[in-house]
C-alpha atoms as a PDB file:
ATOM      1  CA  MET A   1      -0.756  15.676   0.021  1.00  0.00           C
ATOM      2  CA  SER A   2       1.519  13.716   2.362  1.00  0.00           C
ATOM      3  CA  GLN A   3       2.228  14.296   5.942  1.00  0.00           C
ATOM      4  CA  GLU A   4       5.238  13.011   7.811  1.00  0.00           C
ATOM      5  CA  SER A   5       6.892  13.037  11.246  1.00  0.00           C
ATOM      6  CA  PRO A   6      10.607  13.706  10.931  1.00  0.00           C
ATOM      7  CA  SER A   7      11.296  12.192  14.283  1.00  0.00           C
ATOM      8  CA  LYS A   8       9.304   8.940  13.672  1.00  0.00           C
ATOM      9  CA  PRO A   9      11.369   5.701  13.722  1.00  0.00           C
ATOM     10  CA  TYR A  10      11.067   3.397  10.591  1.00  0.00           C
ATOM     11  CA  VAL A  11      11.716   0.135  12.444  1.00  0.00           C
ATOM     12  CA  ILE A  12       9.999  -1.195  15.743  1.00  0.00           C
ATOM     13  CA  GLY A  13      10.359  -4.417  17.418  1.00  0.00           C
ATOM     14  CA  GLN A  14       8.024  -7.083  18.785  1.00  0.00           C
ATOM     15  CA  GLN A  15       7.388  -5.267  22.128  1.00  0.00           C
ATOM     16  CA  GLU A  16       6.345  -2.109  20.292  1.00  0.00           C
ATOM     17  CA  PHE A  17       4.347  -4.025  17.701  1.00  0.00           C
ATOM     18  CA  GLU A  18       1.951  -6.162  19.739  1.00  0.00           C
ATOM     19  CA  PRO A  19       0.098  -3.145  21.351  1.00  0.00           C
ATOM     20  CA  LEU A  20      -0.329  -1.364  17.935  1.00  0.00           C
ATOM     21  CA  ALA A  21      -1.735  -4.364  16.507  1.00  0.00           C
ATOM     22  CA  GLN A  22      -3.998  -4.978  19.360  1.00  0.00           C
ATOM     23  CA  LEU A  23      -5.312  -1.513  19.109  1.00  0.00           C
ATOM     24  CA  TRP A  24      -6.424  -2.393  15.372  1.00  0.00           C
ATOM     25  CA  LYS A  25      -8.145  -5.466  16.519  1.00  0.00           C
ATOM     26  CA  ASP A  26      -9.931  -3.685  19.400  1.00  0.00           C
ATOM     27  CA  SER A  27     -11.055  -0.910  16.948  1.00  0.00           C
ATOM     28  CA  LEU A  28     -13.075  -3.194  14.906  1.00  0.00           C
ATOM     29  CA  ALA A  29     -15.560  -3.305  17.512  1.00  0.00           C
ATOM     30  CA  VAL A  30     -15.586   0.489  18.026  1.00  0.00           C
ATOM     31  CA  PRO A  31     -17.130   2.244  14.744  1.00  0.00           C
ATOM     32  CA  SER A  32     -16.133   5.727  15.766  1.00  0.00           C
ATOM     33  CA  ILE A  33     -12.617   4.873  16.512  1.00  0.00           C
ATOM     34  CA  LEU A  34     -12.440   2.858  13.316  1.00  0.00           C
ATOM     35  CA  GLN A  35     -13.894   5.575  11.151  1.00  0.00           C
ATOM     36  CA  LYS A  36     -11.735   8.268  12.381  1.00  0.00           C
ATOM     37  CA  SER A  37      -8.634   6.426  12.073  1.00  0.00           C
ATOM     38  CA  PHE A  38      -8.695   6.809   8.263  1.00  0.00           C
ATOM     39  CA  LEU A  39      -8.771  10.665   8.591  1.00  0.00           C
ATOM     40  CA  ASP A  40      -6.015  13.151   8.859  1.00  0.00           C
ATOM     41  CA  SER A  41      -5.928  16.068  11.126  1.00  0.00           C
ATOM     42  CA  SER A  42      -7.792  18.001   8.528  1.00  0.00           C
ATOM     43  CA  GLY A  43     -10.598  15.672   8.039  1.00  0.00           C
ATOM     44  CA  SER A  44      -9.503  14.273   4.625  1.00  0.00           C
ATOM     45  CA  ILE A  45      -9.681  10.540   4.178  1.00  0.00           C
ATOM     46  CA  LEU A  46      -6.300   8.573   4.004  1.00  0.00           C
ATOM     47  CA  GLN A  47      -5.417   7.316   0.450  1.00  0.00           C
ATOM     48  CA  GLY A  48      -2.302   5.434   1.501  1.00  0.00           C
ATOM     49  CA  VAL A  49       0.924   5.194   3.359  1.00  0.00           C
ATOM     50  CA  GLY A  50       4.509   5.440   1.982  1.00  0.00           C
ATOM     51  CA  PHE A  51       7.955   4.007   2.749  1.00  0.00           C
ATOM     52  CA  ARG A  52      11.418   5.222   1.726  1.00  0.00           C
ATOM     53  CA  MET A  53      12.667   2.860  -0.798  1.00  0.00           C
ATOM     54  CA  LYS A  54      16.149   2.829   1.007  1.00  0.00           C
ATOM     55  CA  HIS A  55      14.377   1.246   3.933  1.00  0.00           C
ATOM     56  CA  ILE A  56      12.393  -1.054   1.699  1.00  0.00           C
ATOM     57  CA  LEU A  57      15.900  -2.139   0.179  1.00  0.00           C
ATOM     58  CA  GLU A  58      16.812  -3.160   3.884  1.00  0.00           C
ATOM     59  CA  LEU A  59      13.557  -5.262   4.224  1.00  0.00           C
ATOM     60  CA  VAL A  60      13.871  -7.114   0.912  1.00  0.00           C
ATOM     61  CA  SER A  61      17.521  -7.914   1.692  1.00  0.00           C
ATOM     62  CA  THR A  62      16.417 -10.092   4.547  1.00  0.00           C
ATOM     63  CA  ILE A  63      18.109 -13.499   4.375  1.00  0.00           C
ATOM     64  CA  GLY A  64      15.807 -16.353   3.770  1.00  0.00           C
ATOM     65  CA  ALA A  65      12.685 -14.170   3.027  1.00  0.00           C
ATOM     66  CA  THR A  66      10.217 -15.255   0.695  1.00  0.00           C
ATOM     67  CA  HIS A  67       6.939 -13.056   1.381  1.00  0.00           C
ATOM     68  CA  ILE A  68       6.456  -9.615   3.022  1.00  0.00           C
ATOM     69  CA  LYS A  69       3.629  -9.503   5.466  1.00  0.00           C
ATOM     70  CA  VAL A  70       1.631  -6.230   5.804  1.00  0.00           C
ATOM     71  CA  ALA A  71       0.214  -6.189   9.369  1.00  0.00           C
ATOM     72  CA  PHE A  72      -2.548  -3.499  10.181  1.00  0.00           C
ATOM     73  CA  ILE A  73      -1.793  -1.584  13.210  1.00  0.00           C
ATOM     74  CA  MET A  74      -2.905   1.681  14.980  1.00  0.00           C
ATOM     75  CA  GLN A  75      -0.529   4.327  15.514  1.00  0.00           C
ATOM     76  CA  PRO A  76      -0.936   7.677  17.259  1.00  0.00           C
ATOM     77  CA  ASP A  77      -0.350  10.920  15.051  1.00  0.00           C
ATOM     78  CA  GLU A  78       1.412  14.186  16.225  1.00  0.00           C
ATOM     79  CA  SER A  79      -1.688  14.991  18.316  1.00  0.00           C
ATOM     80  CA  GLY A  80      -2.128  11.655  19.656  1.00  0.00           C
ATOM     81  CA  HIS A  81      -5.088  10.798  17.377  1.00  0.00           C
ATOM     82  CA  LEU A  82      -4.976   6.950  16.717  1.00  0.00           C
ATOM     83  CA  GLN A  83      -4.679   6.492  12.746  1.00  0.00           C
ATOM     84  CA  PHE A  84      -4.770   3.437  10.693  1.00  0.00           C
ATOM     85  CA  SER A  85      -1.250   2.210   9.613  1.00  0.00           C
ATOM     86  CA  VAL A  86       0.701  -1.093   8.761  1.00  0.00           C
ATOM     87  CA  ALA A  87       3.898  -2.684   9.558  1.00  0.00           C
ATOM     88  CA  LEU A  88       5.807  -4.653   7.049  1.00  0.00           C
ATOM     89  CA  PHE A  89       7.996  -7.605   7.788  1.00  0.00           C
ATOM     90  CA  ALA A  90       9.871 -10.453   6.150  1.00  0.00           C
ATOM     91  CA  VAL A  91       9.140 -14.032   6.585  1.00  0.00           C
ATOM     92  CA  ASP A  92      10.247 -17.394   5.128  1.00  0.00           C
ATOM     93  CA  PHE A  93       8.096 -20.048   3.493  1.00  0.00           C
ATOM     94  CA  LEU A  94       7.135 -21.327   7.052  1.00  0.00           C
ATOM     95  CA  THR A  95       5.852 -17.680   7.615  1.00  0.00           C
ATOM     96  CA  THR A  96       8.628 -17.524  10.593  1.00  0.00           C
ATOM     97  CA  ARG A  97       9.280 -13.606  10.957  1.00  0.00           C
ATOM     98  CA  LEU A  98      12.689 -12.888   9.793  1.00  0.00           C
ATOM     99  CA  SER A  99      12.923  -9.039  10.053  1.00  0.00           C
ATOM    100  CA  SER A 100      12.084  -6.244  12.164  1.00  0.00           C
ATOM    101  CA  TYR A 101       8.892  -4.460  11.702  1.00  0.00           C
ATOM    102  CA  TYR A 102       8.926  -1.435   9.195  1.00  0.00           C
ATOM    103  CA  VAL A 103       6.555   1.455   9.716  1.00  0.00           C
ATOM    104  CA  PRO A 104       5.592   3.801   7.213  1.00  0.00           C
ATOM    105  CA  SER A 105       7.476   7.281   6.965  1.00  0.00           C
ATOM    106  CA  TYR A 106       4.213   9.171   5.753  1.00  0.00           C
ATOM    107  CA  VAL A 107       0.669   9.087   5.051  1.00  0.00           C
ATOM    108  CA  THR A 108      -1.092  10.579   1.811  1.00  0.00           C
ATOM    109  CA  THR A 109      -4.376  11.988   1.104  1.00  0.00           C
ATOM    110  CA  ASP A 110      -3.486  12.678  -2.455  1.00  0.00           C
ATOM    111  CA  GLU A 111      -6.383  11.453  -5.012  1.00  0.00           C
ATOM    112  CA  THR A 112      -4.564  12.387  -8.105  1.00  0.00           C
ATOM    113  CA  MET A 113      -4.543   8.959  -9.457  1.00  0.00           C
ATOM    114  CA  LEU A 114      -8.353   8.773  -9.580  1.00  0.00           C
ATOM    115  CA  THR A 115      -8.252  11.295 -12.722  1.00  0.00           C
ATOM    116  CA  GLU A 116      -5.364   9.642 -14.338  1.00  0.00           C
ATOM    117  CA  ALA A 117      -4.715   6.594 -16.466  1.00  0.00           C
ATOM    118  CA  VAL A 118      -2.305   4.547 -14.111  1.00  0.00           C
ATOM    119  CA  GLY A 119      -1.071   1.014 -14.327  1.00  0.00           C
ATOM    120  CA  GLY A 120       0.091   0.827 -17.666  1.00  0.00           C
ATOM    121  CA  THR A 121      -1.380  -0.474 -20.711  1.00  0.00           C
ATOM    122  CA  GLU A 122       0.758  -3.539 -21.256  1.00  0.00           C
ATOM    123  CA  MET A 123       1.844  -5.993 -18.827  1.00  0.00           C
ATOM    124  CA  ARG A 124       5.388  -5.931 -17.754  1.00  0.00           C
ATOM    125  CA  TYR A 125       5.297  -7.257 -14.336  1.00  0.00           C
ATOM    126  CA  LYS A 126       3.879 -10.490 -12.739  1.00  0.00           C
ATOM    127  CA  ASN A 127       0.778  -9.276 -10.564  1.00  0.00           C
ATOM    128  CA  GLN A 128       0.463  -5.904 -12.405  1.00  0.00           C
ATOM    129  CA  VAL A 129      -2.824  -4.215 -12.076  1.00  0.00           C
ATOM    130  CA  SER A 130      -4.409  -2.828 -15.228  1.00  0.00           C
ATOM    131  CA  SER A 131      -5.671   0.847 -15.227  1.00  0.00           C
ATOM    132  CA  PRO A 132      -9.504  -0.056 -15.435  1.00  0.00           C
ATOM    133  CA  LEU A 133      -9.172  -2.495 -12.434  1.00  0.00           C
ATOM    134  CA  LEU A 134      -7.151   0.163 -10.507  1.00  0.00           C
ATOM    135  CA  ARG A 135      -9.193   3.044 -11.308  1.00  0.00           C
ATOM    136  CA  ASP A 136     -12.332   1.134 -10.145  1.00  0.00           C
ATOM    137  CA  TRP A 137     -10.733  -0.024  -6.869  1.00  0.00           C
ATOM    138  CA  LEU A 138      -9.268   3.682  -6.103  1.00  0.00           C
ATOM    139  CA  TYR A 139     -12.658   5.207  -6.853  1.00  0.00           C
ATOM    140  CA  ASN A 140     -14.545   2.799  -4.593  1.00  0.00           C
ATOM    141  CA  TRP A 141     -12.024   3.856  -1.677  1.00  0.00           C
ATOM    142  CA  ALA A 142     -12.352   7.649  -2.423  1.00  0.00           C
ATOM    143  CA  THR A 143     -16.128   7.239  -2.579  1.00  0.00           C
ATOM    144  CA  TYR A 144     -16.902   4.709   0.315  1.00  0.00           C
ATOM    145  CA  GLY A 145     -13.786   4.651   2.382  1.00  0.00           C
ATOM    146  CA  LYS A 146     -15.425   5.410   5.610  1.00  0.00           C
ATOM    147  CA  GLY A 147     -13.650   2.707   7.509  1.00  0.00           C
ATOM    148  CA  GLU A 148     -16.734   0.433   7.903  1.00  0.00           C
ATOM    149  CA  ALA A 149     -16.102  -2.572   9.981  1.00  0.00           C
ATOM    150  CA  SER A 150     -17.668  -4.755   7.395  1.00  0.00           C
ATOM    151  CA  TYR A 151     -14.700  -3.637   4.732  1.00  0.00           C
ATOM    152  CA  PHE A 152     -12.435  -5.850   7.106  1.00  0.00           C
ATOM    153  CA  ASP A 153     -14.615  -8.856   7.199  1.00  0.00           C
ATOM    154  CA  SER A 154     -13.295 -11.822   5.211  1.00  0.00           C
ATOM    155  CA  GLN A 155     -13.955 -15.634   4.600  1.00  0.00           C
ATOM    156  CA  TYR A 156     -11.031 -16.233   6.892  1.00  0.00           C
ATOM    157  CA  GLY A 157     -12.347 -13.756   9.828  1.00  0.00           C
ATOM    158  CA  PRO A 158     -11.386 -10.203  10.442  1.00  0.00           C
ATOM    159  CA  LEU A 159      -8.587  -8.913   8.130  1.00  0.00           C
ATOM    160  CA  GLN A 160      -5.565  -8.206  10.110  1.00  0.00           C
ATOM    161  CA  GLY A 161      -3.255  -7.779   6.943  1.00  0.00           C
ATOM    162  CA  TYR A 162      -2.025  -9.138   3.780  1.00  0.00           C
ATOM    163  CA  THR A 163       0.579 -11.284   2.430  1.00  0.00           C
ATOM    164  CA  PHE A 164       2.765 -10.536  -0.679  1.00  0.00           C
ATOM    165  CA  GLU A 165       5.281 -12.435  -2.528  1.00  0.00           C
ATOM    166  CA  ILE A 166       8.709 -10.635  -2.070  1.00  0.00           C
ATOM    167  CA  SER A 167       9.106 -10.385  -5.811  1.00  0.00           C
ATOM    168  CA  GLU A 168       6.158  -7.673  -5.585  1.00  0.00           C
ATOM    169  CA  PHE A 169       8.468  -5.350  -3.812  1.00  0.00           C
ATOM    170  CA  THR A 170      11.732  -6.204  -5.557  1.00  0.00           C
ATOM    171  CA  ALA A 171      10.153  -5.589  -8.704  1.00  0.00           C
ATOM    172  CA  MET A 172      10.094  -1.956  -8.094  1.00  0.00           C
ATOM    173  CA  PHE A 173      13.961  -1.622  -8.034  1.00  0.00           C
ATOM    174  CA  TYR A 174      14.273  -2.532 -11.719  1.00  0.00           C
ATOM    175  CA  ARG A 175      12.626   0.833 -12.511  1.00  0.00           C
ATOM    176  CA  LEU A 176      15.318   2.641 -10.373  1.00  0.00           C
ATOM    177  CA  HIS A 177      18.686   3.935 -10.953  1.00  0.00           C
ATOM    178  CA  SER A 178      20.919   3.019  -8.017  1.00  0.00           C
ATOM    179  CA  GLN A 179      21.439   6.763  -7.470  1.00  0.00           C
ATOM    180  CA  ARG A 180      17.582   7.224  -7.340  1.00  0.00           C
ATOM    181  CA  VAL A 181      16.764   4.684  -4.569  1.00  0.00           C
ATOM    182  CA  LYS A 182      17.282   7.295  -1.690  1.00  0.00           C
ATOM    183  CA  ASP A 183      14.714   9.817  -3.359  1.00  0.00           C
ATOM    184  CA  SER A 184      11.944   7.319  -4.400  1.00  0.00           C
ATOM    185  CA  ASN A 185       9.165   6.122  -2.156  1.00  0.00           C
ATOM    186  CA  LEU A 186       6.976   3.004  -2.108  1.00  0.00           C
ATOM    187  CA  GLU A 187       3.399   3.638  -1.544  1.00  0.00           C
ATOM    188  CA  LEU A 188       0.755   1.080  -0.173  1.00  0.00           C
ATOM    189  CA  LEU A 189      -2.367   2.638  -1.643  1.00  0.00           C
ATOM    190  CA  PHE A 190      -5.879   1.786  -0.117  1.00  0.00           C
ATOM    191  CA  VAL A 191      -8.493   0.267  -2.406  1.00  0.00           C
ATOM    192  CA  LEU A 192     -12.014  -1.369  -2.074  1.00  0.00           C
ATOM    193  CA  HIS A 193     -12.796  -4.385  -3.752  1.00  0.00           C
ATOM    194  CA  HIS A 194     -16.497  -4.887  -4.893  1.00  0.00           C
ATOM    195  CA  TYR A 195     -17.742  -8.232  -5.434  1.00  0.00           C
ATOM    196  CA  TRP A 196     -20.369 -10.968  -4.801  1.00  0.00           C
ATOM    197  CA  ARG A 197     -19.123 -13.361  -1.904  1.00  0.00           C
ATOM    198  CA  SER A 198     -20.252 -16.552  -0.540  1.00  0.00           C
ATOM    199  CA  MET A 199     -21.446 -16.211   2.944  1.00  0.00           C
ATOM    200  CA  PRO A 200     -21.588 -18.559   5.911  1.00  0.00           C
ATOM    201  CA  LEU A 201     -24.270 -21.049   6.045  1.00  0.00           C
ATOM    202  CA  GLU A 202     -25.681 -19.332   9.296  1.00  0.00           C
ATOM    203  CA  ALA A 203     -25.906 -16.054   7.563  1.00  0.00           C
ATOM    204  CA  PRO A 204     -29.418 -14.764   6.268  1.00  0.00           C
ATOM    205  CA  THR A 205     -28.318 -15.114   2.776  1.00  0.00           C
ATOM    206  CA  HIS A 206     -25.583 -17.322   1.226  1.00  0.00           C
ATOM    207  CA  GLU A 207     -24.520 -14.891  -1.443  1.00  0.00           C
ATOM    208  CA  ALA A 208     -23.858 -10.969  -0.973  1.00  0.00           C
ATOM    209  CA  GLN A 209     -22.439  -8.144  -2.410  1.00  0.00           C
ATOM    210  CA  VAL A 210     -19.544  -6.765  -0.347  1.00  0.00           C
ATOM    211  CA  TYR A 211     -16.900  -4.392  -0.223  1.00  0.00           C
ATOM    212  CA  THR A 212     -13.576  -5.321   0.964  1.00  0.00           C
ATOM    213  CA  PHE A 213     -10.555  -3.464   1.959  1.00  0.00           C
ATOM    214  CA  GLY A 214      -7.296  -4.208   0.022  1.00  0.00           C
ATOM    215  CA  LEU A 215      -3.881  -2.603  -0.976  1.00  0.00           C
ATOM    216  CA  VAL A 216      -1.638  -2.051  -4.005  1.00  0.00           C
ATOM    217  CA  ILE A 217       1.847  -1.277  -4.345  1.00  0.00           C
ATOM    218  CA  ARG A 218       3.108   1.577  -6.084  1.00  0.00           C
ATOM    219  CA  LEU A 219       6.607   3.101  -6.938  1.00  0.00           C
ATOM    220  CA  LYS A 220       6.796   6.870  -6.556  1.00  0.00           C
ATOM    221  CA  ARG A 221       9.941   8.336  -7.932  1.00  0.00           C
ATOM    222  CA  PRO A 222      11.300  11.889  -8.340  1.00  0.00           C
ATOM    223  CA  SER A 223      11.110  13.609 -11.769  1.00  0.00           C
ATOM    224  CA  LEU A 224      13.780  12.275 -14.149  1.00  0.00           C
ATOM    225  CA  ALA A 225      13.777  15.301 -16.362  1.00  0.00           C
ATOM    226  CA  LEU A 226      16.831  16.512 -17.686  1.00  0.00           C
ATOM    227  CA  PRO A 227      17.984  20.089 -16.821  1.00  0.00           C
ATOM    228  CA  GLY A 228      16.812  22.553 -19.584  1.00  0.00           C
ATOM    229  CA  THR A 229      15.538  19.850 -21.884  1.00  0.00           C
ATOM    230  CA  GLY A 230      12.119  19.336 -20.774  1.00  0.00           C
ATOM    231  CA  HIS A 231      12.466  15.686 -21.587  1.00  0.00           C
ATOM    232  CA  GLY A 232      12.504  12.616 -19.329  1.00  0.00           C
ATOM    233  CA  GLU A 233      15.769  10.847 -18.579  1.00  0.00           C
ATOM    234  CA  ASP A 234      15.875   7.238 -20.267  1.00  0.00           C
ATOM    235  CA  ASP A 235      15.792   4.682 -17.709  1.00  0.00           C
ATOM    236  CA  GLY A 236      17.364   1.909 -19.598  1.00  0.00           C
ATOM    237  CA  THR A 237      14.361   0.224 -20.761  1.00  0.00           C
ATOM    238  CA  GLY A 238      13.337   2.458 -23.838  1.00  0.00           C
ATOM    239  CA  HIS A 239      10.191   3.645 -21.953  1.00  0.00           C
ATOM    240  CA  GLY A 240      10.842   7.221 -20.790  1.00  0.00           C
ATOM    241  CA  PRO A 241       8.389   9.628 -19.188  1.00  0.00           C
ATOM    242  CA  GLY A 242       5.455  10.489 -21.513  1.00  0.00           C
ATOM    243  CA  ASP A 243       5.746   7.530 -24.131  1.00  0.00           C
ATOM    244  CA  GLY A 244       2.040   6.433 -23.821  1.00  0.00           C
ATOM    245  CA  THR A 245       2.974   3.293 -21.865  1.00  0.00           C
ATOM    246  CA  GLY A 246       1.995   4.361 -18.496  1.00  0.00           C
ATOM    247  CA  MET A 247       5.316   2.921 -17.349  1.00  0.00           C
ATOM    248  CA  GLY A 248       7.672   5.903 -17.782  1.00  0.00           C
ATOM    249  CA  GLY A 249       9.872   7.631 -15.356  1.00  0.00           C
ATOM    250  CA  GLY A 250       8.217  10.542 -13.929  1.00  0.00           C
ATOM    251  CA  THR A 251       6.780  11.010 -10.567  1.00  0.00           C
ATOM    252  CA  GLU A 252       3.672  12.588 -11.709  1.00  0.00           C
ATOM    253  CA  VAL A 253       0.912  10.398 -13.123  1.00  0.00           C
ATOM    254  CA  GLY A 254       0.376  12.525 -15.966  1.00  0.00           C
ATOM    255  CA  THR A 255       3.589  12.112 -17.358  1.00  0.00           C
ATOM    256  CA  GLY A 256       3.698   8.352 -17.036  1.00  0.00           C
ATOM    257  CA  ASP A 257       4.039   6.443 -13.681  1.00  0.00           C
ATOM    258  CA  ASP A 258       5.218   3.094 -12.715  1.00  0.00           C
ATOM    259  CA  ALA A 259       3.221  -0.001 -12.449  1.00  0.00           C
ATOM    260  CA  VAL A 260       1.057  -0.869  -9.737  1.00  0.00           C
ATOM    261  CA  LEU A 261       1.117  -4.398  -8.369  1.00  0.00           C
ATOM    262  CA  ASP A 262      -1.318  -6.321  -6.268  1.00  0.00           C
ATOM    263  CA  MET A 263      -1.557 -10.046  -5.579  1.00  0.00           C
ATOM    264  CA  GLY A 264      -1.660  -9.964  -1.617  1.00  0.00           C
ATOM    265  CA  LYS A 265      -3.340 -12.842  -0.082  1.00  0.00           C
ATOM    266  CA  PRO A 266      -5.577 -11.957   3.048  1.00  0.00           C
ATOM    267  CA  SER A 267      -3.990 -12.322   6.406  1.00  0.00           C
ATOM    268  CA  PRO A 268      -6.556 -13.136   9.205  1.00  0.00           C
ATOM    269  CA  ARG A 269      -3.567 -13.750  11.529  1.00  0.00           C
ATOM    270  CA  THR A 270       0.024 -12.661  11.473  1.00  0.00           C
ATOM    271  CA  LYS A 271       3.186 -14.120  12.989  1.00  0.00           C
END
């Protein structure tokens, strides 16, 4: 299920961004605020946020951009409740901010991907996530995603976001007809990585099992079914919906969805 505010701007400037980023940092010290920020108005756990592909097209068109930074922020929803969110912005190889901050058009609580084979069975893109990995990460978030402060602790300090190669965003456009851009969305889904981590020397134990919050990128497209045929429209790659590759053109996972990408680097600080 997706919830959208029709009047919500999709671009903000530095003056609007800074207090939202500070709210995120402050929430890490207040468990009740942090945990509630990952719930929607009905009490369902947020599974991700969505951006219009036409807005992502603008973002990746930024001259000089080499990476896309994803900064964690807090934004009030329609009722004024503080909700976890993100802001995307393009940077160059010196991490100089080049673009405005792009904020999501909607949040999603949809858990469909937990029960479907997503991610694809063969690798077609750099940094593509396989189905077993994706299922595990999504399951962890759906099961344990209570917004614990420990999920945002990293070797580099408190997580303030992630940094992605710009190619992880531009790759999504290879799966789109030009006329489909306006009808498609890019979703950042929330996941939890479970692993053994090296701890600081002053910690009680030097090795520990941890859960760390992460993000994966997913293209969500409208159905490409041709009227009256019941068959998906070929997207020019020879891999249409339902061909068993997990890389087809339908928006529903069960009919073959698009690749999910992730090679984000933790960002303890953003510029």
